[in-house]
Each structure stands twice: as structure tokens, then as C-alpha cells.
Amino acid sequence: MTKCPLCNKDNHCAINEGKKAETCWCMKVSISKELLQSIGHRNQCICYECLEGDRNIIVKDEGK
């Protein structure tokens, strides 16, 4: 289990679970630059719950 750097909860990373990166939930969203900058240069995934709290989250349209 990998943890979110913001709340320290499980971030449900597909890669960490041995799955392909393209199957991860994070591939279906765009994360704001500001939120990414808030965690600095750490190579850690933010959890979906923390992303939902960020007003700048954009869910990608899978049809495009």
C-alpha cells in the first residue's frame, strides 16, 4: 500500500498493486498544477479523496 502525501491514507495506486498504469484511476483525471506543487518533488500519488477536495480537479472525457 502506498499512502497519499496529504492525508496519509491508501491512494489505491494500480501500479503499486501490480497492475498496468493505464488501469489506474489517476489516468482518468487531470490534477491541478497547484495541487501537484503542494506536495513538492516527492514521487507519491495523491488519493482520490484529496483530489475531490481540490476545486481544480478535471475528470477526463474518455470519449476523446
C-alpha atoms as a PDB file:
ATOM      1  CA  MET A   1       0.000   0.000   0.000  1.00  0.00           C
ATOM      2  CA  THR A   2       1.238   3.460  -0.866  1.00  0.00           C
ATOM      3  CA  LYS A   3      -0.032   6.446   1.031  1.00  0.00           C
ATOM      4  CA  CYS A   4      -1.250   9.866  -0.012  1.00  0.00           C
ATOM      5  CA  PRO A   5       1.265  12.562   0.993  1.00  0.00           C
ATOM      6  CA  LEU A   6      -1.588  14.876   2.027  1.00  0.00           C
ATOM      7  CA  CYS A   7      -3.753  12.669   4.289  1.00  0.00           C
ATOM      8  CA  ASN A   8      -1.561   9.569   4.752  1.00  0.00           C
ATOM      9  CA  LYS A   9      -4.374   7.214   3.623  1.00  0.00           C
ATOM     10  CA  ASP A  10      -4.125   4.495   0.951  1.00  0.00           C
ATOM     11  CA  ASN A  11      -4.041   6.108  -2.502  1.00  0.00           C
ATOM     12  CA  HIS A  12      -5.139   2.903  -4.290  1.00  0.00           C
ATOM     13  CA  CYS A  13      -2.315   3.033  -6.821  1.00  0.00           C
ATOM     14  CA  ALA A  14      -2.776   0.373  -9.541  1.00  0.00           C
ATOM     15  CA  ILE A  15       0.958   0.272 -10.250  1.00  0.00           C
ATOM     16  CA  ASN A  16       1.705  -0.471  -6.610  1.00  0.00           C
ATOM     17  CA  GLU A  17      -0.881  -3.269  -6.770  1.00  0.00           C
ATOM     18  CA  GLY A  18       0.970  -4.840  -9.711  1.00  0.00           C
ATOM     19  CA  LYS A  19      -1.450  -3.625 -12.395  1.00  0.00           C
ATOM     20  CA  LYS A  20      -0.765  -1.635 -15.556  1.00  0.00           C
ATOM     21  CA  ALA A  21      -0.506   2.157 -15.144  1.00  0.00           C
ATOM     22  CA  GLU A  22      -3.282   2.775 -17.664  1.00  0.00           C
ATOM     23  CA  THR A  23      -5.747   0.920 -15.406  1.00  0.00           C
ATOM     24  CA  CYS A  24      -5.222   3.315 -12.503  1.00  0.00           C
ATOM     25  CA  TRP A  25      -7.961   5.743 -11.514  1.00  0.00           C
ATOM     26  CA  CYS A  26      -5.479   8.618 -11.758  1.00  0.00           C
ATOM     27  CA  MET A  27      -5.276   8.184 -15.520  1.00  0.00           C
ATOM     28  CA  LYS A  28      -8.890   9.390 -15.758  1.00  0.00           C
ATOM     29  CA  VAL A  29      -8.341  12.769 -14.086  1.00  0.00           C
ATOM     30  CA  SER A  30      -6.228  15.871 -14.538  1.00  0.00           C
ATOM     31  CA  ILE A  31      -4.602  17.186 -11.402  1.00  0.00           C
ATOM     32  CA  SER A  32      -4.142  20.911 -10.923  1.00  0.00           C
ATOM     33  CA  LYS A  33      -0.623  22.277 -11.110  1.00  0.00           C
ATOM     34  CA  GLU A  34      -1.135  23.968  -7.743  1.00  0.00           C
ATOM     35  CA  LEU A  35      -2.039  20.710  -6.018  1.00  0.00           C
ATOM     36  CA  LEU A  36       0.950  18.914  -7.519  1.00  0.00           C
ATOM     37  CA  GLN A  37       3.228  21.741  -6.411  1.00  0.00           C
ATOM     38  CA  SER A  38       1.854  21.480  -2.871  1.00  0.00           C
ATOM     39  CA  ILE A  39       3.434  18.044  -2.456  1.00  0.00           C
ATOM     40  CA  GLY A  40       6.774  19.201  -3.826  1.00  0.00           C
ATOM     41  CA  HIS A  41       9.045  16.826  -5.695  1.00  0.00           C
ATOM     42  CA  ARG A  42       8.041  13.694  -3.829  1.00  0.00           C
ATOM     43  CA  ASN A  43       7.168  10.805  -6.102  1.00  0.00           C
ATOM     44  CA  GLN A  44       3.879   9.962  -4.380  1.00  0.00           C
ATOM     45  CA  CYS A  45       0.309   9.733  -5.618  1.00  0.00           C
ATOM     46  CA  ILE A  46      -2.434  11.856  -4.101  1.00  0.00           C
ATOM     47  CA  CYS A  47      -5.573   9.898  -3.169  1.00  0.00           C
ATOM     48  CA  TYR A  48      -8.915  10.462  -4.897  1.00  0.00           C
ATOM     49  CA  GLU A  49     -10.493  11.845  -1.723  1.00  0.00           C
ATOM     50  CA  CYS A  50      -7.902  14.626  -1.516  1.00  0.00           C
ATOM     51  CA  LEU A  51      -8.359  15.324  -5.218  1.00  0.00           C
ATOM     52  CA  GLU A  52     -12.108  15.671  -4.716  1.00  0.00           C
ATOM     53  CA  GLY A  53     -11.351  18.373  -2.158  1.00  0.00           C
ATOM     54  CA  ASP A  54      -9.375  20.297  -4.778  1.00  0.00           C
ATOM     55  CA  ARG A  55     -11.606  22.618  -6.822  1.00  0.00           C
ATOM     56  CA  ASN A  56      -9.342  22.278  -9.858  1.00  0.00           C
ATOM     57  CA  ILE A  57      -9.838  18.554 -10.495  1.00  0.00           C
ATOM     58  CA  ILE A  58     -10.975  17.779 -14.035  1.00  0.00           C
ATOM     59  CA  VAL A  59     -12.332  14.364 -14.967  1.00  0.00           C
ATOM     60  CA  LYS A  60     -11.081  13.415 -18.419  1.00  0.00           C
ATOM     61  CA  ASP A  61     -13.617  12.571 -21.076  1.00  0.00           C
ATOM     62  CA  GLU A  62     -12.772   9.015 -22.088  1.00  0.00           C
ATOM     63  CA  GLY A  63     -14.510   9.541 -25.426  1.00  0.00           C
ATOM     64  CA  LYS A  64     -11.810  11.940 -26.595  1.00  0.00           C
END
